[in-house]
Every structure is written in C-alpha cells, then in structure tokens.
Amino acid sequence: MKIDPPAPPAVLFTRPAKGGSATAAPADAASSPKEAAASGQVRLLPSVAGGSDFDAARVAAIREDIRAGRYQVNPERIADGLIDSVRDLLNGKKPS
C-alpha cells in the first residue's frame, strides 16, 4: 500500500451565461444559498487536528512502517472493533 501526498483541490468549471465564457471556481465554492449555508456550517465544526483523536507523530510512524514493510495488519482486531461498533449502533449507543 502506497501513501501519496494529498492531491491538489479540484476546480469546477461553470457553464457560461449566453454569450459569456466559462469560468473556473474552486471546488468548495457553493453554487446555491442552501449550499453556501451548509458550507459555512462545515467551516464552523471543530478541527480534528486540535482534538485528542489525531496524533501526527503516530501517523508519521505508521507511514514509515508501511513504507519499510514493517506494518502488520491484525484482521481479528479490526473485525472485533467493527462488530463492537455495530452492536453499539444497534443498541442506540453513541460510537466511541
């Protein structure tokens, strides 16, 4: 498995008005008031990077282990975690 750097943001092309030319807009630009409101709400969500769920050093270590071929996947652990999550969802508990 190869981990590449993230791709650059996509650019959307809008159809020209009659007699106009096509314009490029960033992919995150909203095309309707409803989309603009949703986009604004997403920007207000707390950042994952500021929370305790993301450890940049751990991610870098795992990335290096994958590159070096030392990373071992434990399918039993993954399956157990998925089953626990499904049980929590079926019982109405909030996933941890």
Protein backbone atom coordinates (compact mmCIF):
# COMPACT_ATOMS: atom_id res chain seq x y z
CA MET A 1 0.00 0.00 0.00
CA LYS A 2 1.43 3.34 -1.00
CA ILE A 3 0.55 6.58 0.73
CA ASP A 4 0.89 9.61 -1.51
CA PRO A 5 0.64 13.28 -0.62
CA PRO A 6 -2.87 14.71 -0.99
CA ALA A 7 -3.98 15.79 -4.43
CA PRO A 8 -4.47 19.50 -5.17
CA PRO A 9 -8.04 20.77 -4.83
CA ALA A 10 -10.27 20.27 -7.86
CA VAL A 11 -11.50 23.18 -9.92
CA LEU A 12 -15.11 23.26 -11.12
CA PHE A 13 -15.97 24.83 -14.44
CA THR A 14 -19.28 26.61 -14.64
CA ARG A 15 -21.35 26.91 -17.79
CA PRO A 16 -21.21 30.30 -19.37
CA ALA A 17 -24.23 32.55 -19.50
CA LYS A 18 -25.47 33.19 -23.01
CA GLY A 19 -22.60 34.78 -24.91
CA GLY A 20 -20.20 34.53 -21.95
CA SER A 21 -17.16 32.41 -21.34
CA ALA A 22 -16.69 29.53 -18.92
CA THR A 23 -15.18 30.41 -15.56
CA ALA A 24 -13.25 28.30 -13.10
CA ALA A 25 -14.28 28.24 -9.47
CA PRO A 26 -12.74 26.41 -6.51
CA ALA A 27 -14.38 23.06 -5.77
CA ASP A 28 -15.53 24.27 -2.35
CA ALA A 29 -17.41 27.25 -3.79
CA ALA A 30 -21.14 26.94 -3.15
CA SER A 31 -23.47 27.30 -6.12
CA SER A 32 -26.69 27.99 -4.19
CA PRO A 33 -27.67 29.78 -0.98
CA LYS A 34 -28.52 26.43 0.62
CA GLU A 35 -25.06 25.06 -0.25
CA ALA A 36 -23.45 28.27 1.00
CA ALA A 37 -25.17 27.90 4.37
CA ALA A 38 -24.10 24.25 4.66
CA SER A 39 -20.56 25.17 3.65
CA GLY A 40 -20.45 27.84 6.33
CA GLN A 41 -21.65 25.36 8.94
CA VAL A 42 -18.96 22.86 8.00
CA ARG A 43 -16.29 25.50 8.46
CA LEU A 44 -17.59 26.12 11.99
CA LEU A 45 -17.10 22.48 13.03
CA PRO A 46 -14.25 21.94 15.48
CA SER A 47 -10.98 20.95 13.88
CA VAL A 48 -9.88 17.34 14.27
CA ALA A 49 -6.24 18.42 14.42
CA GLY A 50 -6.94 20.34 17.63
CA GLY A 51 -8.57 17.34 19.31
CA SER A 52 -7.04 14.37 21.05
CA ASP A 53 -8.09 11.93 18.29
CA PHE A 54 -5.19 12.84 15.97
CA ASP A 55 -1.55 12.13 16.79
CA ALA A 56 0.71 13.41 14.00
CA ALA A 57 3.75 11.58 15.38
CA ARG A 58 1.85 8.27 15.44
CA VAL A 59 0.65 8.82 11.86
CA ALA A 60 4.22 9.55 10.74
CA ALA A 61 5.49 6.40 12.49
CA ILE A 62 2.79 4.24 10.87
CA ARG A 63 3.51 5.81 7.46
CA GLU A 64 7.20 4.98 7.84
CA ASP A 65 6.43 1.41 8.94
CA ILE A 66 4.21 0.94 5.86
CA ARG A 67 6.94 2.27 3.56
CA ALA A 68 9.53 -0.01 5.16
CA GLY A 69 7.20 -3.05 5.00
CA ARG A 70 7.10 -3.44 8.80
CA TYR A 71 3.41 -2.60 9.30
CA GLN A 72 1.34 -5.63 10.31
CA VAL A 73 -2.45 -5.68 9.94
CA ASN A 74 -4.39 -7.60 12.59
CA PRO A 75 -7.68 -8.60 10.89
CA GLU A 76 -9.09 -10.10 14.09
CA ARG A 77 -8.70 -6.79 15.92
CA ILE A 78 -10.32 -4.91 13.04
CA ALA A 79 -13.23 -7.37 12.91
CA ASP A 80 -13.74 -7.16 16.68
CA GLY A 81 -13.82 -3.36 16.51
CA LEU A 82 -16.34 -3.39 13.67
CA ILE A 83 -18.57 -5.86 15.49
CA ASP A 84 -18.43 -3.73 18.66
CA SER A 85 -19.36 -0.63 16.64
CA VAL A 86 -22.33 -2.37 15.04
CA ARG A 87 -23.51 -3.63 18.43
CA ASP A 88 -23.29 -0.10 19.83
CA LEU A 89 -25.24 1.29 16.88
CA LEU A 90 -27.93 -1.38 17.18
CA ASN A 91 -28.25 -0.73 20.92
CA GLY A 92 -28.58 3.01 20.36
CA LYS A 93 -25.23 3.83 21.97
CA LYS A 94 -23.02 6.56 20.63
CA PRO A 95 -19.88 5.07 18.98
CA SER A 96 -16.70 5.66 20.95
